Amino acid sequence: MRSIFHLPALFGILFFAACKPSRNHSSGLFTGKVIGSICSQYTIQLIAGDMDPAKYLKSWKNPQSDSTYHNVFAVSNYCDFGKYGLQKGDTFQFRLLHDSPAQSCVRCLIYEPTPDVQNTIQVVQTVK
C-alpha cells in the first residue's frame, strides 16, 4: 500500500528530469552596433552576449547595398529606440523585452531593407 503513494513522486521526478532545457541563454546585457538607421528602420548587429540564436539571423544580405552582415535583427520598437539618437556605427548595451508595444511615431516614406527577425529592446547604455 505504501508503494502506491510513492508512485506519483517517482513520475514527477522522471517528468522534470526529462524536460530540462537543452541550453539556457542569457537574458542579461547584450552589446549591439547600429548598422542601418534610415527613417526609423533600425538594423542591429549583435556584438557580444549569449543571445538565443532564434532572436537574430546568423547571416543577412542587404539587397540595396549588397553587403552581408552577421548576427543581425531589426528593432520592432523603433519609436522608443529612436529617442536615443543612435546613428549608424554607434555601439550600445541593451536588454531584450518581451512586450512589443504599438508604435505611434511618424516614419518617413524612404525604405531601407531590414532583417525578417525583429526584437523589442531597451537601450541601457550608449558606448558610441
N, C-alpha and C. Protein backbone atom coordinates (compact mmCIF):
# COMPACT_ATOMS: atom_id res chain seq x y z
N MET A 1 0.83 -1.19 0.00
CA MET A 1 0.00 0.00 0.00
C MET A 1 0.87 1.26 0.00
N ARG A 2 1.96 1.20 0.71
CA ARG A 2 2.84 2.36 0.83
C ARG A 2 3.49 2.72 -0.51
N SER A 3 3.81 1.72 -1.35
CA SER A 3 4.47 1.98 -2.63
C SER A 3 3.55 2.69 -3.62
N ILE A 4 2.25 2.59 -3.46
CA ILE A 4 1.30 3.29 -4.32
C ILE A 4 1.43 4.80 -4.12
N PHE A 5 1.67 5.23 -2.91
CA PHE A 5 1.82 6.66 -2.61
C PHE A 5 3.13 7.22 -3.14
N HIS A 6 4.13 6.42 -3.33
CA HIS A 6 5.41 6.87 -3.86
C HIS A 6 5.41 6.96 -5.39
N LEU A 7 4.44 6.32 -6.03
CA LEU A 7 4.37 6.30 -7.48
C LEU A 7 4.23 7.71 -8.09
N PRO A 8 3.34 8.60 -7.58
CA PRO A 8 3.27 9.95 -8.15
C PRO A 8 4.59 10.73 -7.99
N ALA A 9 5.28 10.55 -6.89
CA ALA A 9 6.56 11.23 -6.70
C ALA A 9 7.58 10.74 -7.72
N LEU A 10 7.59 9.46 -7.98
CA LEU A 10 8.51 8.89 -8.96
C LEU A 10 8.23 9.45 -10.36
N PHE A 11 6.96 9.53 -10.74
CA PHE A 11 6.60 10.09 -12.05
C PHE A 11 6.98 11.58 -12.13
N GLY A 12 6.81 12.31 -11.06
CA GLY A 12 7.20 13.72 -11.03
C GLY A 12 8.68 13.91 -11.24
N ILE A 13 9.48 13.11 -10.59
CA ILE A 13 10.93 13.21 -10.74
C ILE A 13 11.34 12.87 -12.17
N LEU A 14 10.77 11.82 -12.74
CA LEU A 14 11.08 11.44 -14.11
C LEU A 14 10.65 12.52 -15.10
N PHE A 15 9.48 13.13 -14.88
CA PHE A 15 8.98 14.17 -15.78
C PHE A 15 9.91 15.38 -15.80
N PHE A 16 10.29 15.88 -14.63
CA PHE A 16 11.14 17.07 -14.57
C PHE A 16 12.56 16.78 -15.05
N ALA A 17 13.04 15.59 -14.88
CA ALA A 17 14.37 15.24 -15.36
C ALA A 17 14.39 15.18 -16.89
N ALA A 18 13.28 14.73 -17.49
CA ALA A 18 13.21 14.62 -18.95
C ALA A 18 12.96 15.97 -19.62
N CYS A 19 12.44 16.95 -18.91
CA CYS A 19 12.05 18.23 -19.50
C CYS A 19 13.04 19.35 -19.25
N LYS A 20 14.27 19.04 -18.99
CA LYS A 20 15.25 20.11 -18.77
C LYS A 20 15.58 20.78 -20.09
N PRO A 21 15.80 22.10 -20.10
CA PRO A 21 16.11 22.79 -21.35
C PRO A 21 17.45 22.35 -21.91
N SER A 22 17.56 22.39 -23.24
CA SER A 22 18.80 21.95 -23.86
C SER A 22 19.92 22.95 -23.67
N ARG A 23 19.59 24.25 -23.63
CA ARG A 23 20.62 25.26 -23.43
C ARG A 23 19.96 26.53 -22.92
N ASN A 24 20.51 27.08 -21.89
CA ASN A 24 19.99 28.34 -21.38
C ASN A 24 20.76 29.49 -22.01
N HIS A 25 20.04 30.52 -22.41
CA HIS A 25 20.66 31.71 -22.97
C HIS A 25 20.49 32.85 -21.99
N SER A 26 21.45 33.71 -21.97
CA SER A 26 21.46 34.84 -21.06
C SER A 26 20.32 35.80 -21.37
N SER A 27 19.72 36.35 -20.35
CA SER A 27 18.73 37.40 -20.54
C SER A 27 19.30 38.72 -20.05
N GLY A 28 20.59 38.75 -19.83
CA GLY A 28 21.25 39.94 -19.32
C GLY A 28 21.54 40.95 -20.39
N LEU A 29 22.64 41.65 -20.23
CA LEU A 29 23.01 42.69 -21.18
C LEU A 29 23.68 42.13 -22.42
N PHE A 30 23.36 42.74 -23.55
CA PHE A 30 23.97 42.42 -24.83
C PHE A 30 24.59 43.70 -25.37
N THR A 31 25.56 43.55 -26.25
CA THR A 31 26.16 44.71 -26.91
C THR A 31 25.81 44.63 -28.38
N GLY A 32 25.35 45.75 -28.91
CA GLY A 32 24.96 45.81 -30.31
C GLY A 32 25.55 47.02 -31.01
N LYS A 33 25.52 46.95 -32.33
CA LYS A 33 26.02 48.04 -33.16
C LYS A 33 24.95 48.36 -34.21
N VAL A 34 24.65 49.64 -34.39
CA VAL A 34 23.67 50.06 -35.38
C VAL A 34 24.34 49.97 -36.75
N ILE A 35 23.76 49.16 -37.64
CA ILE A 35 24.33 49.07 -38.99
C ILE A 35 23.38 49.64 -40.03
N GLY A 36 22.18 49.99 -39.63
CA GLY A 36 21.22 50.63 -40.52
C GLY A 36 20.24 51.45 -39.70
N SER A 37 19.99 52.71 -40.13
CA SER A 37 19.12 53.56 -39.30
C SER A 37 18.39 54.63 -40.10
N ILE A 38 17.95 54.31 -41.30
CA ILE A 38 17.23 55.30 -42.09
C ILE A 38 15.75 55.27 -41.75
N CYS A 39 15.21 56.42 -41.41
CA CYS A 39 13.76 56.59 -41.18
C CYS A 39 13.17 55.57 -40.20
N SER A 40 13.79 55.41 -39.08
CA SER A 40 13.31 54.51 -38.01
C SER A 40 13.29 53.05 -38.42
N GLN A 41 14.06 52.68 -39.40
CA GLN A 41 14.19 51.29 -39.81
C GLN A 41 15.58 50.83 -39.37
N TYR A 42 15.65 50.37 -38.11
CA TYR A 42 16.94 50.08 -37.48
C TYR A 42 17.32 48.62 -37.65
N THR A 43 18.56 48.39 -38.05
CA THR A 43 19.15 47.06 -38.09
C THR A 43 20.30 47.05 -37.10
N ILE A 44 20.30 46.04 -36.23
CA ILE A 44 21.29 45.93 -35.17
C ILE A 44 22.11 44.66 -35.37
N GLN A 45 23.41 44.80 -35.17
CA GLN A 45 24.31 43.65 -35.21
C GLN A 45 24.70 43.31 -33.78
N LEU A 46 24.47 42.06 -33.39
CA LEU A 46 24.86 41.58 -32.06
C LEU A 46 26.37 41.43 -32.03
N ILE A 47 27.02 42.14 -31.11
CA ILE A 47 28.48 42.09 -30.99
C ILE A 47 28.91 41.18 -29.84
N ALA A 48 28.18 41.27 -28.72
CA ALA A 48 28.55 40.46 -27.56
C ALA A 48 27.30 40.08 -26.78
N GLY A 49 27.34 38.89 -26.19
CA GLY A 49 26.24 38.38 -25.37
C GLY A 49 25.76 37.04 -25.89
N ASP A 50 25.23 36.25 -25.00
CA ASP A 50 24.77 34.89 -25.31
C ASP A 50 23.27 34.93 -25.61
N MET A 51 22.91 35.50 -26.74
CA MET A 51 21.50 35.62 -27.13
C MET A 51 21.03 34.34 -27.81
N ASP A 52 19.78 34.00 -27.60
CA ASP A 52 19.15 32.86 -28.25
C ASP A 52 19.27 33.04 -29.77
N PRO A 53 19.84 32.07 -30.49
CA PRO A 53 20.01 32.19 -31.93
C PRO A 53 18.71 32.39 -32.72
N ALA A 54 17.59 32.08 -32.12
CA ALA A 54 16.30 32.31 -32.79
C ALA A 54 15.95 33.80 -32.82
N LYS A 55 16.68 34.61 -32.07
CA LYS A 55 16.39 36.05 -31.97
C LYS A 55 17.18 36.88 -32.97
N TYR A 56 17.98 36.27 -33.82
CA TYR A 56 18.74 37.01 -34.83
C TYR A 56 19.03 36.11 -36.02
N LEU A 57 19.43 36.73 -37.12
CA LEU A 57 19.85 35.98 -38.30
C LEU A 57 21.36 35.86 -38.29
N LYS A 58 21.86 34.66 -38.49
CA LYS A 58 23.32 34.46 -38.49
C LYS A 58 23.97 35.20 -39.65
N SER A 59 23.29 35.28 -40.77
CA SER A 59 23.82 35.98 -41.93
C SER A 59 22.66 36.63 -42.67
N TRP A 60 22.84 37.89 -43.07
CA TRP A 60 21.81 38.63 -43.79
C TRP A 60 22.47 39.53 -44.82
N LYS A 61 21.94 39.50 -46.02
CA LYS A 61 22.47 40.34 -47.10
C LYS A 61 21.49 41.47 -47.38
N ASN A 62 21.97 42.70 -47.26
CA ASN A 62 21.16 43.87 -47.57
C ASN A 62 21.09 43.98 -49.10
N PRO A 63 19.89 43.82 -49.67
CA PRO A 63 19.79 43.83 -51.13
C PRO A 63 20.10 45.18 -51.77
N GLN A 64 19.99 46.26 -51.00
CA GLN A 64 20.29 47.58 -51.56
C GLN A 64 21.79 47.84 -51.65
N SER A 65 22.52 47.48 -50.60
CA SER A 65 23.95 47.77 -50.58
C SER A 65 24.80 46.58 -51.02
N ASP A 66 24.16 45.41 -51.14
CA ASP A 66 24.85 44.18 -51.50
C ASP A 66 25.88 43.76 -50.44
N SER A 67 25.75 44.30 -49.22
CA SER A 67 26.64 43.97 -48.10
C SER A 67 26.03 42.84 -47.28
N THR A 68 26.88 41.97 -46.76
CA THR A 68 26.44 40.87 -45.91
C THR A 68 26.85 41.16 -44.47
N TYR A 69 25.92 40.94 -43.55
CA TYR A 69 26.15 41.17 -42.13
C TYR A 69 25.86 39.88 -41.37
N HIS A 70 26.48 39.74 -40.21
CA HIS A 70 26.31 38.56 -39.39
C HIS A 70 25.68 38.93 -38.05
N ASN A 71 24.83 38.03 -37.53
CA ASN A 71 24.17 38.18 -36.22
C ASN A 71 23.38 39.48 -36.14
N VAL A 72 22.35 39.61 -36.98
CA VAL A 72 21.59 40.85 -37.07
C VAL A 72 20.10 40.62 -36.83
N PHE A 73 19.42 41.71 -36.44
CA PHE A 73 17.97 41.71 -36.28
C PHE A 73 17.47 43.14 -36.46
N ALA A 74 16.19 43.28 -36.68
CA ALA A 74 15.55 44.59 -36.79
C ALA A 74 14.94 44.96 -35.44
N VAL A 75 14.81 46.25 -35.20
CA VAL A 75 14.21 46.75 -33.96
C VAL A 75 12.71 46.93 -34.19
N SER A 76 11.88 46.27 -33.38
CA SER A 76 10.43 46.39 -33.55
C SER A 76 9.86 47.61 -32.82
N ASN A 77 10.51 48.06 -31.76
CA ASN A 77 10.03 49.25 -31.03
C ASN A 77 10.84 50.47 -31.47
N TYR A 78 10.74 50.78 -32.76
CA TYR A 78 11.55 51.84 -33.38
C TYR A 78 11.27 53.23 -32.81
N CYS A 79 10.07 53.49 -32.31
CA CYS A 79 9.79 54.81 -31.72
C CYS A 79 10.63 55.03 -30.46
N ASP A 80 10.63 54.05 -29.57
CA ASP A 80 11.42 54.15 -28.34
C ASP A 80 12.91 54.18 -28.65
N PHE A 81 13.34 53.33 -29.56
CA PHE A 81 14.76 53.25 -29.90
C PHE A 81 15.25 54.57 -30.51
N GLY A 82 14.43 55.22 -31.31
CA GLY A 82 14.80 56.46 -31.96
C GLY A 82 15.08 57.60 -31.00
N LYS A 83 14.55 57.53 -29.79
CA LYS A 83 14.74 58.59 -28.79
C LYS A 83 16.18 58.65 -28.28
N TYR A 84 16.95 57.62 -28.49
CA TYR A 84 18.33 57.60 -28.01
C TYR A 84 19.30 58.29 -28.96
N GLY A 85 18.86 58.59 -30.16
CA GLY A 85 19.69 59.32 -31.11
C GLY A 85 20.87 58.52 -31.64
N LEU A 86 20.79 57.21 -31.57
CA LEU A 86 21.88 56.38 -32.08
C LEU A 86 21.89 56.41 -33.60
N GLN A 87 23.07 56.48 -34.17
CA GLN A 87 23.25 56.54 -35.61
C GLN A 87 24.05 55.32 -36.08
N LYS A 88 24.11 55.16 -37.39
CA LYS A 88 24.87 54.07 -37.99
C LYS A 88 26.31 54.10 -37.47
N GLY A 89 26.78 52.94 -36.97
CA GLY A 89 28.13 52.82 -36.44
C GLY A 89 28.21 52.93 -34.92
N ASP A 90 27.15 53.42 -34.27
CA ASP A 90 27.15 53.56 -32.81
C ASP A 90 27.01 52.20 -32.14
N THR A 91 27.67 52.05 -31.00
CA THR A 91 27.62 50.83 -30.20
C THR A 91 26.90 51.13 -28.89
N PHE A 92 26.15 50.14 -28.40
CA PHE A 92 25.35 50.35 -27.19
C PHE A 92 25.08 49.01 -26.51
N GLN A 93 24.67 49.09 -25.24
CA GLN A 93 24.26 47.90 -24.49
C GLN A 93 22.74 47.91 -24.39
N PHE A 94 22.14 46.70 -24.44
CA PHE A 94 20.68 46.61 -24.42
C PHE A 94 20.21 45.32 -23.77
N ARG A 95 18.92 45.32 -23.45
CA ARG A 95 18.21 44.15 -22.94
C ARG A 95 17.09 43.82 -23.90
N LEU A 96 16.74 42.56 -24.00
CA LEU A 96 15.57 42.15 -24.76
C LEU A 96 14.34 42.33 -23.89
N LEU A 97 13.27 42.82 -24.47
CA LEU A 97 11.99 42.96 -23.78
C LEU A 97 11.02 41.96 -24.39
N HIS A 98 10.06 41.50 -23.60
CA HIS A 98 9.11 40.51 -24.09
C HIS A 98 7.90 41.16 -24.75
N ASP A 99 7.52 42.34 -24.28
CA ASP A 99 6.35 43.02 -24.84
C ASP A 99 6.75 43.86 -26.04
N SER A 100 5.89 43.90 -27.02
CA SER A 100 6.13 44.74 -28.20
C SER A 100 5.01 45.77 -28.28
N PRO A 101 5.22 46.95 -27.69
CA PRO A 101 4.16 47.95 -27.67
C PRO A 101 3.86 48.48 -29.06
N ALA A 102 2.62 48.94 -29.25
CA ALA A 102 2.24 49.55 -30.52
C ALA A 102 3.07 50.81 -30.75
N GLN A 103 3.49 51.02 -31.97
CA GLN A 103 4.33 52.16 -32.31
C GLN A 103 3.45 53.24 -32.96
N SER A 104 3.58 54.46 -32.46
CA SER A 104 2.73 55.54 -32.98
C SER A 104 3.53 56.79 -33.32
N CYS A 105 4.76 56.62 -33.74
CA CYS A 105 5.55 57.77 -34.15
C CYS A 105 5.56 57.85 -35.68
N VAL A 106 5.97 58.97 -36.20
CA VAL A 106 5.99 59.19 -37.64
C VAL A 106 7.22 58.52 -38.26
N ARG A 107 7.00 57.82 -39.34
CA ARG A 107 8.09 57.23 -40.13
C ARG A 107 8.02 57.83 -41.52
N CYS A 108 9.14 58.18 -42.07
CA CYS A 108 9.13 58.74 -43.42
C CYS A 108 8.94 57.62 -44.44
N LEU A 109 8.80 58.01 -45.70
CA LEU A 109 8.49 57.03 -46.73
C LEU A 109 9.72 56.43 -47.42
N ILE A 110 10.91 56.80 -46.96
CA ILE A 110 12.11 56.18 -47.50
C ILE A 110 12.17 54.74 -46.98
N TYR A 111 12.51 53.82 -47.85
CA TYR A 111 12.57 52.41 -47.45
C TYR A 111 14.01 51.93 -47.39
N GLU A 112 14.34 51.28 -46.30
CA GLU A 112 15.62 50.59 -46.17
C GLU A 112 15.31 49.15 -45.74
N PRO A 113 15.83 48.16 -46.43
CA PRO A 113 15.59 46.77 -46.04
C PRO A 113 16.10 46.48 -44.62
N THR A 114 15.38 45.65 -43.91
CA THR A 114 15.79 45.19 -42.58
C THR A 114 15.61 43.67 -42.53
N PRO A 115 16.31 43.02 -41.61
CA PRO A 115 16.15 41.56 -41.47
C PRO A 115 14.72 41.19 -41.07
N ASP A 116 14.33 39.96 -41.40
CA ASP A 116 12.99 39.48 -41.08
C ASP A 116 12.78 39.25 -39.58
N VAL A 117 13.84 39.03 -38.83
CA VAL A 117 13.74 38.79 -37.39
C VAL A 117 13.74 40.14 -36.68
N GLN A 118 12.75 40.36 -35.81
CA GLN A 118 12.64 41.62 -35.07
C GLN A 118 12.63 41.34 -33.57
N ASN A 119 13.20 42.28 -32.81
CA ASN A 119 13.20 42.21 -31.36
C ASN A 119 12.81 43.56 -30.77
N THR A 120 12.16 43.50 -29.63
CA THR A 120 11.88 44.70 -28.85
C THR A 120 13.01 44.82 -27.84
N ILE A 121 13.70 45.96 -27.86
CA ILE A 121 14.87 46.11 -27.00
C ILE A 121 14.80 47.39 -26.18
N GLN A 122 15.55 47.40 -25.09
CA GLN A 122 15.68 48.57 -24.23
C GLN A 122 17.16 48.92 -24.16
N VAL A 123 17.50 50.13 -24.60
CA VAL A 123 18.88 50.58 -24.53
C VAL A 123 19.20 50.88 -23.08
N VAL A 124 20.30 50.34 -22.59
CA VAL A 124 20.74 50.53 -21.20
C VAL A 124 21.84 51.58 -21.14
N GLN A 125 22.77 51.50 -22.08
CA GLN A 125 23.90 52.42 -22.05
C GLN A 125 24.45 52.56 -23.47
N THR A 126 24.71 53.80 -23.87
CA THR A 126 25.34 54.00 -25.16
C THR A 126 26.85 54.05 -24.99
N VAL A 127 27.55 53.48 -25.96
CA VAL A 127 29.01 53.45 -25.91
C VAL A 127 29.57 54.42 -26.94
N LYS A 128 28.88 54.55 -28.05
CA LYS A 128 29.27 55.39 -29.18
C LYS A 128 30.74 55.29 -29.36
